């Protein structure tokens, strides 16, 4: 034998062909091809199912509905977390404030009810308060309250 090593035969690196998922109800007689779609679309006639097949179908649809609701709940939770992160909503550990009537915080909540104070300057909010009540809080009190909120 010469000093050369024998080369090992390499396995093919190609991935095996992807197979289409086979659903448990595909071989049911009630599962038929829809005409005019070249066999690409299948339809299921629920009236032709046996009681066992109907129970399996109901279980599959209930599982799909449960997963959809789970995803919707997760999406809602992530939207809330994103809003908190972006400063659009207060974090859950901050207790809702009940400001004293006539204070700068109460006036800001009155003039900007839906959180528009995030988009306005202290001077603009103070001018709106003065337009409603000339005896309202001072500019300094409004600016301090906005600084605490931001």
Protein backbone atom coordinates (compact mmCIF):
# COMPACT_ATOMS: atom_id res chain seq x y z
CA UNK A 1 0.00 0.00 0.00
CA UNK A 2 1.35 3.39 -0.90
CA UNK A 3 1.60 6.25 1.62
CA UNK A 4 -1.58 7.87 0.44
CA UNK A 5 -4.70 7.69 2.53
CA UNK A 6 -7.85 6.49 0.95
CA UNK A 7 -10.47 9.18 0.63
CA UNK A 8 -13.62 8.55 2.46
CA UNK A 9 -16.72 8.83 0.30
CA UNK A 10 -18.52 12.04 1.23
CA UNK A 11 -22.16 12.05 2.04
CA UNK A 12 -24.31 14.20 -0.12
CA UNK A 13 -24.66 17.62 1.46
CA UNK A 14 -27.95 18.31 -0.23
CA UNK A 15 -30.86 18.59 2.11
CA UNK A 16 -33.58 16.08 1.64
CA UNK A 17 -36.57 17.39 -0.22
CA UNK A 18 -39.01 19.14 2.07
CA UNK A 19 -42.16 17.18 2.51
CA UNK A 20 -45.56 18.70 2.79
CA UNK A 21 -47.19 18.36 6.18
CA UNK A 22 -49.70 15.57 6.31
CA UNK A 23 -52.74 16.41 8.34
CA UNK A 24 -54.68 13.65 10.08
CA UNK A 25 -57.87 14.45 8.17
CA UNK A 26 -56.40 14.42 4.63
CA UNK A 27 -57.31 10.83 3.95
CA UNK A 28 -60.94 11.20 5.03
CA UNK A 29 -63.47 10.63 2.25
CA UNK A 30 -65.17 13.95 3.06
CA UNK A 31 -61.92 15.80 2.27
CA UNK A 32 -62.18 16.47 -1.48
CA UNK A 33 -60.40 18.61 -4.03
CA UNK A 34 -62.23 21.79 -5.00
CA UNK A 35 -62.95 21.78 -8.74
CA UNK A 36 -61.30 24.47 -10.84
CA UNK A 37 -58.21 24.84 -8.63
CA UNK A 38 -56.07 22.13 -10.30
CA UNK A 39 -56.11 20.13 -7.09
CA UNK A 40 -54.39 22.84 -5.05
CA UNK A 41 -57.37 23.62 -2.85
CA UNK A 42 -59.15 21.09 -0.69
CA UNK A 43 -62.60 21.29 0.86
CA UNK A 44 -64.18 19.41 3.71
CA UNK A 45 -67.84 18.48 3.83
CA UNK A 46 -68.62 18.30 7.53
CA UNK A 47 -71.91 16.46 6.96
CA UNK A 48 -70.09 13.42 5.52
CA UNK A 49 -67.85 12.90 8.56
CA UNK A 50 -68.22 9.97 10.91
CA UNK A 51 -68.73 10.82 14.60
CA UNK A 52 -65.07 9.98 15.37
CA UNK A 53 -63.85 12.16 12.50
CA UNK A 54 -66.18 14.97 13.57
CA UNK A 55 -64.81 14.77 17.13
CA UNK A 56 -61.24 14.94 15.77
CA UNK A 57 -62.16 17.90 13.54
CA UNK A 58 -63.78 19.74 16.45
CA UNK A 59 -60.72 19.08 18.61
CA UNK A 60 -58.42 20.45 15.87
CA UNK A 61 -60.51 23.61 15.40
CA UNK A 62 -60.75 24.18 19.16
CA UNK A 63 -56.97 23.89 19.43
CA UNK A 64 -56.54 26.39 16.58
CA UNK A 65 -58.93 28.82 18.27
CA UNK A 66 -57.10 28.45 21.58
CA UNK A 67 -53.75 29.17 19.90
CA UNK A 68 -55.17 32.24 18.12
CA UNK A 69 -56.49 33.61 21.41
CA UNK A 70 -53.13 32.90 23.05
CA UNK A 71 -51.32 34.83 20.30
CA UNK A 72 -53.78 37.72 20.56
CA UNK A 73 -53.24 37.93 24.34
CA UNK A 74 -49.49 37.87 23.84
CA UNK A 75 -49.66 40.60 21.17
CA UNK A 76 -51.80 42.76 23.45
CA UNK A 77 -49.35 42.28 26.34
CA UNK A 78 -46.37 43.17 24.12
CA UNK A 79 -48.17 46.27 22.80
CA UNK A 80 -48.73 47.40 26.40
CA UNK A 81 -45.08 46.79 27.28
CA UNK A 82 -43.96 48.74 24.23
CA UNK A 83 -46.24 51.64 25.17
CA UNK A 84 -44.77 51.67 28.68
CA UNK A 85 -41.23 51.52 27.27
CA UNK A 86 -41.94 54.40 24.89
CA UNK A 87 -43.43 56.51 27.68
CA UNK A 88 -46.98 56.50 26.33
CA UNK A 89 -48.33 54.76 29.43
CA UNK A 90 -47.13 54.89 33.03
CA UNK A 91 -45.35 51.79 34.32
CA UNK A 92 -47.45 49.43 36.43
CA UNK A 93 -45.56 50.22 39.65
CA UNK A 94 -46.57 53.89 39.50
CA UNK A 95 -49.79 54.42 41.35
CA UNK A 96 -52.37 56.61 39.63
CA UNK A 97 -52.23 60.09 41.03
CA UNK A 98 -55.29 61.76 42.51
CA UNK A 99 -54.20 65.38 42.55
CA UNK A 100 -55.69 67.90 44.93
CA UNK A 101 -58.29 70.16 43.31
CA UNK A 102 -56.81 73.44 42.13
CA UNK A 103 -53.23 72.14 42.04
CA UNK A 104 -51.04 72.28 38.96
CA UNK A 105 -51.45 68.52 38.44
CA UNK A 106 -55.25 68.78 38.52
CA UNK A 107 -55.20 71.68 36.08
CA UNK A 108 -52.89 69.81 33.70
CA UNK A 109 -55.24 66.80 33.77
CA UNK A 110 -58.18 69.13 33.11
CA UNK A 111 -56.59 71.02 30.23
CA UNK A 112 -54.91 67.94 28.68
CA UNK A 113 -57.27 65.04 29.52
CA UNK A 114 -55.85 62.29 27.29
CA UNK A 115 -52.16 62.81 27.96
CA UNK A 116 -51.67 65.60 25.44
CA UNK A 117 -49.34 67.20 28.01
CA UNK A 118 -46.65 64.95 26.52
CA UNK A 119 -46.86 66.89 23.28
CA UNK A 120 -47.05 70.43 24.68
CA UNK A 121 -44.58 72.70 26.40
CA UNK A 122 -45.05 73.92 29.96
CA UNK A 123 -45.62 77.46 28.67
CA UNK A 124 -48.40 76.36 26.30
CA UNK A 125 -50.17 74.40 29.03
CA UNK A 126 -49.80 77.28 31.50
CA UNK A 127 -51.35 79.69 28.95
CA UNK A 128 -54.33 77.34 28.48
CA UNK A 129 -54.79 77.17 32.26
CA UNK A 130 -54.63 80.98 32.54
CA UNK A 131 -57.22 81.28 29.75
CA UNK A 132 -59.61 79.13 31.81
CA UNK A 133 -58.81 80.56 35.25
CA UNK A 134 -56.58 83.61 35.76
CA UNK A 135 -56.13 82.59 39.41
CA UNK A 136 -54.69 79.17 38.43
CA UNK A 137 -51.28 77.82 39.39
CA UNK A 138 -48.05 79.63 38.59
CA UNK A 139 -45.87 78.78 35.61
CA UNK A 140 -43.24 77.41 37.97
CA UNK A 141 -45.73 74.96 39.52
CA UNK A 142 -46.86 73.76 36.07
CA UNK A 143 -43.25 73.33 34.90
CA UNK A 144 -42.32 71.42 38.07
CA UNK A 145 -45.29 69.08 37.71
CA UNK A 146 -44.46 68.39 34.06
CA UNK A 147 -40.84 67.73 34.98
CA UNK A 148 -41.97 65.17 37.58
CA UNK A 149 -44.26 63.50 35.02
CA UNK A 150 -41.62 63.28 32.34
